[in-house]
Protein backbone atom coordinates (compact mmCIF):
# COMPACT_ATOMS: atom_id res chain seq x y z
CA MET A 1 -16.25 29.40 10.90
CA ASP A 2 -16.91 27.74 7.55
CA SER A 3 -16.90 23.93 7.46
CA ILE A 4 -16.91 21.10 4.92
CA ALA A 5 -17.05 17.30 4.92
CA VAL A 6 -14.61 15.16 2.93
CA PHE A 7 -15.55 11.53 2.35
CA GLY A 8 -12.52 9.26 1.84
CA LEU A 9 -9.21 10.01 3.58
CA GLY A 10 -6.69 8.33 1.30
CA PHE A 11 -3.91 9.74 -0.87
CA VAL A 12 -6.31 12.42 -2.19
CA GLY A 13 -8.81 12.99 0.61
CA LEU A 14 -6.44 13.47 3.52
CA PRO A 15 -4.13 16.11 1.96
CA LEU A 16 -7.20 17.81 0.46
CA SER A 17 -8.80 17.97 3.93
CA LEU A 18 -5.63 19.34 5.48
CA THR A 19 -5.24 21.90 2.69
CA TYR A 20 -8.68 23.31 3.51
CA ALA A 21 -7.72 23.26 7.21
CA MET A 22 -4.69 25.41 6.38
CA TYR A 23 -7.13 28.03 5.12
CA GLY A 24 -9.08 28.03 8.39
CA VAL A 25 -11.90 25.75 7.20
CA ARG A 26 -13.13 23.16 9.70
CA VAL A 27 -13.11 19.78 7.96
CA TYR A 28 -15.01 16.66 9.00
CA GLY A 29 -13.01 13.85 7.42
CA VAL A 30 -15.13 10.74 6.94
CA ASP A 31 -13.74 7.25 6.37
CA ILE A 32 -15.28 3.82 6.97
CA ASN A 33 -11.98 2.33 8.21
CA LYS A 34 -12.32 2.66 12.01
CA GLU A 35 -8.72 1.63 12.71
CA TYR A 36 -7.40 4.21 10.25
CA VAL A 37 -9.58 6.96 11.72
CA GLU A 38 -8.19 6.19 15.18
CA LYS A 39 -4.64 6.39 13.80
CA LEU A 40 -5.45 9.78 12.27
CA LYS A 41 -6.72 10.99 15.64
CA ASN A 42 -3.27 10.07 16.97
CA TYR A 43 -1.58 11.98 14.12
CA GLN A 44 -0.55 8.81 12.24
CA THR A 45 -0.79 8.19 8.48
CA HIS A 46 1.12 6.11 5.94
CA ILE A 47 0.84 8.87 3.32
CA LEU A 48 4.08 10.61 2.29
CA GLU A 49 3.58 14.34 1.75
CA ASN A 50 5.47 17.47 2.77
CA TYR A 51 4.65 21.15 2.55
CA ASN A 52 6.63 24.23 3.58
CA GLY A 53 9.11 22.14 5.54
CA LYS A 54 6.48 20.16 7.44
CA THR A 55 5.52 16.50 7.08
CA ILE A 56 1.89 15.55 6.60
CA GLN A 57 1.98 14.07 10.12
CA GLU A 58 2.97 17.47 11.53
CA ILE A 59 0.26 19.23 9.51
CA LEU A 60 -2.26 16.61 10.66
CA LYS A 61 -1.35 17.14 14.31
CA GLU A 62 -1.58 20.93 14.05
CA SER A 63 -4.95 20.75 12.25
CA ILE A 64 -6.48 18.43 14.84
CA GLN A 65 -5.14 20.41 17.79
CA LYS A 66 -6.59 23.61 16.33
CA GLY A 67 -9.97 21.90 15.90
CA LEU A 68 -9.80 22.30 12.13
CA PHE A 69 -9.69 18.60 11.20
CA ILE A 70 -12.08 16.11 12.76
CA PRO A 71 -11.63 12.49 11.63
CA THR A 72 -14.81 10.43 11.99
CA THR A 73 -16.61 7.35 10.71
CA SER A 74 -19.99 9.07 11.02
CA ALA A 75 -21.61 10.55 7.92
CA LYS A 76 -24.39 11.82 10.19
CA GLU A 77 -21.97 13.83 12.35
CA ALA A 78 -20.31 15.33 9.30
CA LEU A 79 -23.47 16.37 7.46
CA GLU A 80 -25.08 17.82 10.59
CA ASN A 81 -22.26 20.34 10.73
CA THR A 82 -21.87 21.43 7.11
CA ASP A 83 -23.68 22.02 3.83
CA LYS A 84 -20.63 21.34 1.63
CA ILE A 85 -19.60 17.75 0.92
CA ILE A 86 -16.62 16.59 -1.15
CA VAL A 87 -16.28 12.94 -2.21
CA THR A 88 -12.84 11.43 -2.90
CA VAL A 89 -13.74 7.75 -2.39
CA GLY A 90 -12.05 5.65 -5.07
CA ILE A 91 -13.43 2.90 -7.30
CA PRO A 92 -10.97 -0.01 -7.19
CA ILE A 93 -10.64 -2.62 -9.92
CA LYS A 94 -10.34 -6.37 -9.40
CA ASN A 95 -9.65 -8.73 -12.29
CA GLY A 96 -10.55 -5.95 -14.72
CA ILE A 97 -13.96 -5.34 -13.11
CA LEU A 98 -14.85 -2.07 -11.39
CA GLN A 99 -15.77 -2.52 -7.73
CA LYS A 100 -18.31 0.28 -7.28
CA GLU A 101 -19.85 -0.92 -4.01
CA VAL A 102 -17.84 1.24 -1.60
CA PHE A 103 -18.24 4.38 -3.74
CA ASN A 104 -21.99 3.81 -4.08
CA ALA A 105 -22.27 3.11 -0.35
CA ALA A 106 -20.59 6.45 0.40
CA ILE A 107 -23.07 8.25 -1.86
CA LYS A 108 -25.96 6.44 -0.13
CA SER A 109 -24.70 7.47 3.30
CA ILE A 110 -24.51 11.08 2.11
CA GLY A 111 -27.99 10.88 0.63
CA LYS A 112 -29.40 9.54 3.89
CA TYR A 113 -28.42 12.74 5.74
CA LEU A 114 -28.60 15.24 2.86
CA LYS A 115 -30.35 18.52 3.64
CA ASN A 116 -31.93 21.35 1.69
CA GLY A 117 -29.23 23.62 0.26
CA ASP A 118 -26.39 21.08 0.48
CA LEU A 119 -23.70 20.90 -2.21
CA VAL A 120 -22.13 17.55 -3.16
CA LEU A 121 -18.90 17.86 -5.14
CA ILE A 122 -17.51 14.63 -6.58
CA ARG A 123 -13.69 14.63 -6.87
CA SER A 124 -13.21 10.87 -7.28
CA THR A 125 -11.99 9.54 -10.60
CA VAL A 126 -15.03 7.83 -12.10
CA PRO A 127 -16.33 6.27 -15.34
CA PRO A 128 -17.98 8.73 -17.77
CA GLY A 129 -21.52 9.61 -16.77
CA THR A 130 -21.17 8.61 -13.10
CA THR A 131 -22.15 11.98 -11.62
CA ARG A 132 -25.38 12.21 -13.62
CA GLU A 133 -26.30 8.54 -14.02
CA THR A 134 -25.23 7.08 -10.66
CA VAL A 135 -24.67 9.77 -8.02
CA LEU A 136 -27.70 11.93 -8.80
CA PRO A 137 -30.36 9.16 -8.64
CA ILE A 138 -28.85 7.66 -5.48
CA LEU A 139 -28.85 11.03 -3.71
CA GLU A 140 -32.44 11.77 -4.77
CA LYS A 141 -33.67 8.33 -3.75
CA GLU A 142 -31.98 8.30 -0.35
CA SER A 143 -32.82 11.89 0.56
CA GLY A 144 -36.22 12.36 -1.01
CA LEU A 145 -34.91 15.70 -2.32
CA LYS A 146 -34.63 16.92 -5.92
CA CYS A 147 -31.34 17.95 -7.47
CA SER A 148 -31.21 21.56 -8.75
CA LYS A 149 -34.23 22.37 -6.58
CA ASP A 150 -33.32 21.17 -3.08
CA PHE A 151 -29.61 20.35 -3.34
CA TYR A 152 -26.68 20.92 -5.70
CA LEU A 153 -24.35 18.46 -7.45
CA ALA A 154 -21.09 19.05 -9.33
CA TYR A 155 -17.95 17.26 -10.51
CA SER A 156 -14.32 18.39 -10.43
CA SER A 157 -11.39 16.12 -11.25
CA GLU A 158 -8.28 16.00 -9.06
CA ARG A 159 -4.97 16.36 -10.90
CA ILE A 160 -2.43 16.08 -8.12
CA ALA A 161 0.76 14.02 -8.16
CA GLU A 162 1.60 12.07 -5.02
CA GLY A 163 4.27 13.93 -3.10
CA LYS A 164 3.05 17.29 -4.40
CA ALA A 165 -0.54 17.20 -3.17
CA PHE A 166 -0.53 20.26 -0.91
CA GLU A 167 1.14 22.41 -3.55
CA GLU A 168 -0.94 21.21 -6.49
CA PHE A 169 -4.31 21.47 -4.76
CA GLN A 170 -3.51 25.19 -4.61
CA THR A 171 -1.71 25.74 -7.92
CA MET A 172 -2.88 23.17 -10.48
CA PRO A 173 -5.58 24.48 -12.85
CA VAL A 174 -8.76 22.54 -12.16
CA ALA A 175 -11.98 22.04 -14.12
CA VAL A 176 -15.49 21.95 -12.71
CA ALA A 177 -19.00 21.40 -14.04
CA GLY A 178 -22.38 21.14 -12.38
CA ILE A 179 -25.69 19.45 -13.07
CA ASP A 180 -26.91 23.03 -13.38
CA LYS A 181 -25.36 26.51 -13.35
CA GLU A 182 -26.05 27.11 -9.66
CA SER A 183 -24.35 23.83 -8.76
CA ARG A 184 -21.31 24.84 -10.80
CA LYS A 185 -21.23 28.27 -9.16
CA LYS A 186 -21.32 26.82 -5.65
CA ALA A 187 -18.62 24.26 -6.52
CA TYR A 188 -16.47 27.01 -8.02
CA GLU A 189 -16.70 28.98 -4.78
CA LEU A 190 -15.71 25.90 -2.78
CA LEU A 191 -12.70 25.19 -5.01
CA LYS A 192 -11.64 28.85 -4.98
CA ILE A 193 -11.05 28.75 -1.22
CA ILE A 194 -7.80 26.83 -1.77
CA ASN A 195 -7.10 27.12 -5.50
CA LYS A 196 -5.85 30.56 -6.45
CA GLU A 197 -4.95 29.57 -10.01
CA GLU A 198 -7.21 28.95 -12.99
CA ILE A 199 -10.54 27.18 -12.48
CA ILE A 200 -12.01 26.07 -15.79
CA LEU A 201 -15.80 26.20 -16.04
CA ALA A 202 -16.97 23.27 -18.18
CA SER A 203 -20.43 22.80 -19.63
CA GLU A 204 -21.27 19.30 -18.36
CA PRO A 205 -19.94 16.88 -15.69
CA GLU A 206 -19.19 14.37 -18.46
CA VAL A 207 -16.69 16.81 -20.01
CA VAL A 208 -14.64 16.93 -16.81
CA GLU A 209 -15.03 13.22 -16.06
CA ILE A 210 -13.71 12.24 -19.48
CA SER A 211 -10.99 14.90 -19.57
CA LYS A 212 -9.56 13.45 -16.34
CA LEU A 213 -9.53 9.95 -17.80
CA ILE A 214 -8.01 10.91 -21.13
CA GLU A 215 -5.28 12.93 -19.40
CA ASN A 216 -4.18 9.74 -17.66
CA SER A 217 -4.78 7.43 -20.62
CA SER A 218 -2.63 9.63 -22.86
CA ARG A 219 0.28 9.00 -20.49
CA ASP A 220 -0.47 5.27 -20.61
CA VAL A 221 -0.15 5.42 -24.40
CA ASP A 222 3.03 7.51 -24.19
CA ILE A 223 4.65 5.09 -21.74
CA ALA A 224 3.61 2.12 -23.88
CA LEU A 225 5.35 3.75 -26.84
CA SER A 226 8.51 4.25 -24.77
CA ASN A 227 8.36 0.65 -23.54
CA GLU A 228 8.14 -0.61 -27.12
CA LEU A 229 11.05 1.66 -27.98
CA ALA A 230 13.02 0.05 -25.15
CA ASP A 231 12.38 -3.38 -26.68
CA LEU A 232 13.79 -2.14 -29.98
CA THR A 233 16.84 -0.47 -28.46
CA ASP A 234 17.58 -3.60 -26.43
CA LYS A 235 17.82 -5.60 -29.65
CA LEU A 236 19.98 -2.91 -31.27
CA ASN A 237 22.15 -2.44 -28.15
CA VAL A 238 21.35 1.29 -28.04
CA ASP A 239 20.42 3.39 -25.00
CA ALA A 240 16.65 4.10 -24.98
CA THR A 241 17.07 6.85 -22.38
CA GLU A 242 19.48 8.73 -24.61
CA ILE A 243 17.17 8.38 -27.61
CA ILE A 244 14.27 9.83 -25.62
CA LYS A 245 16.46 12.66 -24.36
CA VAL A 246 17.41 13.54 -27.93
CA ALA A 247 13.83 13.21 -29.24
CA ASN A 248 12.52 15.46 -26.47
CA THR A 249 14.68 18.33 -27.66
CA HIS A 250 11.99 18.76 -30.33
CA LYS A 251 9.69 21.47 -28.97
CA ARG A 252 6.52 19.50 -29.75
CA VAL A 253 7.69 16.11 -28.44
CA HIS A 254 7.47 14.93 -24.85
CA LEU A 255 8.15 11.21 -24.55
CA LEU A 256 7.95 9.69 -21.09
CA SER A 257 10.46 7.22 -19.68
CA PRO A 258 10.17 3.44 -20.13
CA GLY A 259 10.08 1.22 -17.07
CA ILE A 260 8.95 -2.13 -15.72
CA GLY A 261 5.27 -1.18 -16.00
CA VAL A 262 2.76 1.46 -14.90
CA GLY A 263 1.49 1.58 -11.33
CA GLY A 264 -0.94 3.43 -9.12
CA HIS A 265 -4.63 3.93 -9.68
CA CYS A 266 -4.50 6.98 -11.93
CA ILE A 267 -2.89 5.78 -15.16
CA PRO A 268 -3.73 2.04 -15.22
CA TYR A 269 -7.32 2.57 -14.10
CA ALA A 270 -8.17 5.46 -16.42
CA SER A 271 -8.58 3.34 -19.54
CA LEU A 272 -10.52 0.71 -17.61
CA TYR A 273 -12.97 3.39 -16.43
CA ILE A 274 -13.36 4.41 -20.08
CA PHE A 275 -13.88 0.78 -21.14
CA ASP A 276 -16.63 0.45 -18.52
CA LYS A 277 -18.63 2.82 -20.72
CA THR A 278 -17.32 2.08 -24.22
CA ASP A 279 -17.64 -1.71 -23.96
CA LYS A 280 -21.36 -1.26 -23.35
CA MET A 281 -21.47 0.98 -26.42
CA LYS A 282 -19.44 -1.56 -28.45
CA LEU A 283 -16.72 1.00 -29.18
CA PRO A 284 -13.41 -0.88 -29.65
CA MET A 285 -10.99 1.84 -28.37
CA THR A 286 -8.18 -0.16 -29.98
CA LEU A 287 -5.28 2.16 -29.15
CA LEU A 288 -6.11 2.37 -25.44
CA HIS A 289 -6.58 -1.41 -25.20
CA THR A 290 -3.22 -1.98 -26.89
CA ALA A 291 -1.38 0.49 -24.67
CA ARG A 292 -2.90 -1.11 -21.56
CA GLU A 293 -1.86 -4.57 -22.75
CA ILE A 294 1.73 -3.46 -23.45
CA ASN A 295 2.16 -1.85 -20.04
CA GLU A 296 0.35 -4.64 -18.18
CA ASN A 297 2.67 -7.24 -19.76
CA ARG A 298 5.82 -5.27 -19.01
CA PRO A 299 6.80 -7.13 -15.80
CA LYS A 300 6.65 -10.41 -17.75
CA GLU A 301 8.91 -8.94 -20.41
CA VAL A 302 11.37 -7.79 -17.74
CA LEU A 303 11.54 -11.29 -16.25
CA HIS A 304 12.03 -12.76 -19.73
CA THR A 305 15.00 -10.41 -20.27
CA ILE A 306 16.52 -11.43 -16.94
CA GLU A 307 15.81 -15.11 -17.61
CA THR A 308 17.72 -14.94 -20.92
CA VAL A 309 20.83 -13.67 -19.12
CA LEU A 310 20.42 -16.18 -16.28
CA ASN A 311 20.41 -18.99 -18.84
CA ARG A 312 23.54 -17.53 -20.40
CA ILE A 313 25.39 -17.94 -17.09
CA ASN A 314 23.92 -21.41 -16.50
CA LYS A 315 21.24 -20.40 -14.02
CA LYS A 316 17.45 -20.67 -14.03
CA VAL A 317 14.69 -18.52 -12.54
CA GLU A 318 13.43 -21.45 -10.47
CA HIS A 319 16.76 -21.85 -8.69
CA SER A 320 17.60 -18.15 -8.29
CA LYS A 321 17.04 -15.61 -5.55
CA PHE A 322 15.75 -12.17 -6.55
CA ALA A 323 16.16 -9.03 -4.42
CA ILE A 324 13.77 -6.24 -5.37
CA ILE A 325 14.94 -2.87 -4.03
CA GLY A 326 11.99 -0.46 -3.96
CA VAL A 327 8.49 -1.80 -4.61
CA ALA A 328 6.21 1.27 -4.50
CA MET A 329 4.19 2.08 -7.57
CA LYS A 330 6.49 4.96 -8.55
CA ASN A 331 9.51 6.93 -7.38
CA ASN A 332 9.45 8.30 -3.81
CA SER A 333 6.06 6.84 -3.01
CA SER A 334 4.54 4.88 -0.14
CA ASP A 335 1.75 3.48 -2.31
CA ILE A 336 1.90 -0.09 -3.68
CA SER A 337 -1.40 0.17 -5.57
CA GLU A 338 -1.01 -1.71 -8.87
CA SER A 339 2.75 -1.69 -8.32
CA PRO A 340 4.64 -3.22 -11.29
CA ALA A 341 7.37 -4.30 -8.86
CA MET A 342 4.84 -6.27 -6.82
CA ARG A 343 3.48 -7.85 -10.01
CA LEU A 344 7.03 -8.77 -11.00
CA LYS A 345 7.47 -10.33 -7.56
CA ASP A 346 4.37 -12.47 -8.08
CA ILE A 347 5.48 -13.56 -11.56
CA ILE A 348 8.92 -14.59 -10.23
CA LEU A 349 7.25 -16.67 -7.53
CA GLN A 350 4.93 -18.27 -10.07
CA ASN A 351 8.01 -19.29 -12.05
CA GLY A 352 9.64 -20.91 -9.04
CA GLY A 353 12.05 -18.15 -8.07
CA ASP A 354 12.80 -16.96 -4.55
CA VAL A 355 12.12 -13.28 -3.73
CA SER A 356 13.04 -10.84 -0.97
CA TRP A 357 12.23 -7.14 -1.11
CA PHE A 358 13.09 -3.98 0.74
CA ASP A 359 11.37 -0.60 0.75
CA PRO A 360 11.51 1.66 3.82
CA ASN A 361 8.51 3.67 2.59
CA ILE A 362 6.13 0.68 2.75
CA ASN A 363 4.65 0.21 6.21
CA GLY A 364 3.01 -2.97 7.44
CA ASN A 365 3.71 -6.67 7.65
CA PHE A 366 4.13 -8.20 4.20
CA PRO A 367 5.37 -11.65 3.18
CA LEU A 368 8.94 -11.54 1.80
CA LYS A 369 9.53 -7.99 3.10
CA LYS A 370 12.90 -7.50 4.76
CA ASP A 371 13.78 -4.92 7.38
CA SER A 372 17.16 -4.05 5.86
CA ILE A 373 18.66 -3.85 2.42
CA GLU A 374 21.44 -6.21 3.51
CA GLU A 375 18.92 -8.86 4.50
CA ALA A 376 17.12 -8.54 1.16
CA LEU A 377 20.38 -8.78 -0.81
CA LYS A 378 21.78 -11.78 1.06
CA GLY A 379 22.55 -14.53 -1.43
CA ALA A 380 20.84 -12.75 -4.33
CA ASP A 381 21.43 -13.95 -7.89
CA VAL A 382 19.46 -11.00 -9.29
CA ILE A 383 18.95 -7.44 -8.00
CA VAL A 384 16.03 -5.53 -9.49
CA ILE A 385 15.78 -1.74 -9.03
CA PRO A 386 12.31 -0.83 -10.37
CA ILE A 387 12.02 2.66 -8.86
CA LYS A 388 14.02 5.33 -7.07
CA GLN A 389 13.46 5.91 -3.37
CA ASP A 390 15.66 8.75 -2.14
CA ASN A 391 15.99 7.13 1.28
CA ILE A 392 17.50 3.94 -0.19
CA LYS A 393 21.28 4.23 -0.46
CA VAL A 394 22.55 2.66 -3.68
CA ASP A 395 26.05 1.42 -2.85
CA ILE A 396 27.08 -1.47 -5.09
CA ASP A 397 30.49 -1.71 -3.43
CA GLN A 398 28.65 -2.67 -0.25
CA TRP A 399 26.03 -4.72 -2.08
CA LYS A 400 28.77 -6.93 -3.52
CA GLU A 401 29.46 -8.33 -0.05
CA PHE A 402 25.96 -9.86 0.18
CA THR A 403 25.20 -11.10 -3.34
CA GLN A 404 26.31 -14.07 -5.43
CA LYS A 405 29.59 -13.74 -7.35
CA ASN A 406 28.07 -13.01 -10.78
CA ALA A 407 24.79 -11.42 -9.68
CA ILE A 408 22.67 -9.65 -12.27
CA ILE A 409 21.57 -6.06 -11.69
CA PHE A 410 18.44 -4.97 -13.57
CA ASP A 411 18.50 -1.20 -13.18
CA ALA A 412 15.28 0.35 -14.49
CA GLN A 413 16.21 3.82 -13.22
CA LYS A 414 19.83 4.15 -14.40
CA LEU A 415 20.97 4.68 -10.80
CA ILE A 416 24.14 2.63 -11.23
CA ASN A 417 27.18 3.18 -13.42
CA LYS A 418 27.33 0.22 -15.79
CA ASP A 419 31.13 0.19 -16.09
CA LYS A 420 31.61 0.20 -12.33
CA ALA A 421 29.05 -2.56 -11.87
CA GLU A 422 30.81 -4.75 -14.41
CA GLU A 423 34.21 -4.04 -12.84
CA LEU A 424 32.81 -5.37 -9.57
CA GLY A 425 31.68 -8.55 -11.32
CA PHE A 426 27.99 -7.79 -11.69
CA VAL A 427 26.12 -8.46 -14.91
CA TYR A 428 24.42 -5.13 -15.64
CA LEU A 429 21.08 -4.77 -17.44
CA GLY A 430 19.30 -1.46 -17.98
CA ILE A 431 16.34 -0.16 -19.96
């Protein structure tokens, strides 16, 4: 039976591992989080994915019981049993600075146990040049082996959307490049096991690394444009959503929707990974910097809009209670990474407001989290709906029983009928 090792079992690594398991490949899933690995062994994960009528928890259980998925914290165990290694360990960002320590540590642990003939395929999103300039020298130093002679190294970006991981690992066209042609060939064969669609053979790892980043950054720019449009339409009292719908009837136009910001790791981090390289080269990248600034400031702009209306009805942020309904980074998600709703929550608190929030998809003990929507809404002066979670029932007739008499609804998703909300006494704000 063929086997592989996947390092990093998060929103990418776990569904990727289980996708290979579906094809009969034994997967050693490696993660440094011991508690999480134990949860996986008991078929538990916070990740929300479904495929062919089964939840990811059901797929996880089946894969483990069949002996096709083996969660472990041991790089040694994994590499002793395979010659194919996939890396999905992320590079987080704190205060605008890339935190590369965990990624580099994963590469070092692989290098320590690397063998002749092994293939290392990087599928993490990384700054340009990482495969050649960081991964390759670490692997050679730790292993004492030479790339292209003793082992093989390649890069392939992941392009999945959360919630569609199992499907898109198999159907989304994917690009791959190797340090040399043999590395690319071996990586192609590994990808082809699960991906039956187009696999694009690129010339250099840098081509694929940068293409991944610019795919995400282009959406950052598009969303920034839509958010600026929303500012204009707000002043003109025109519906931004309708304008975008009309504009998108043009066959060469595809504007994205405005919102309260951009969340997750993919879109917000992409430009910062690019800046990690371009700042050293003294390339200004003005457009990407501007788009990032617009989207990063969006939660502040949302609070300013709400504050203006609060003042109009003789209220202030510092004396108001806010109920945020749905705080994940995007619709139907369980991920709060870089969540604009969570940033908005922090900004409200910094301005003296009181906040409660509710989101059934977010597991764990968090300050200000409520166990029911009624509890979150109790006494609210402002309701904010940043995202759509299908398992949150939007019933403003019921909500009215828990909120203040003239509560404001800021509806970023157009889930509520404005006329009905105003008939019930709410002050309705949309984007």
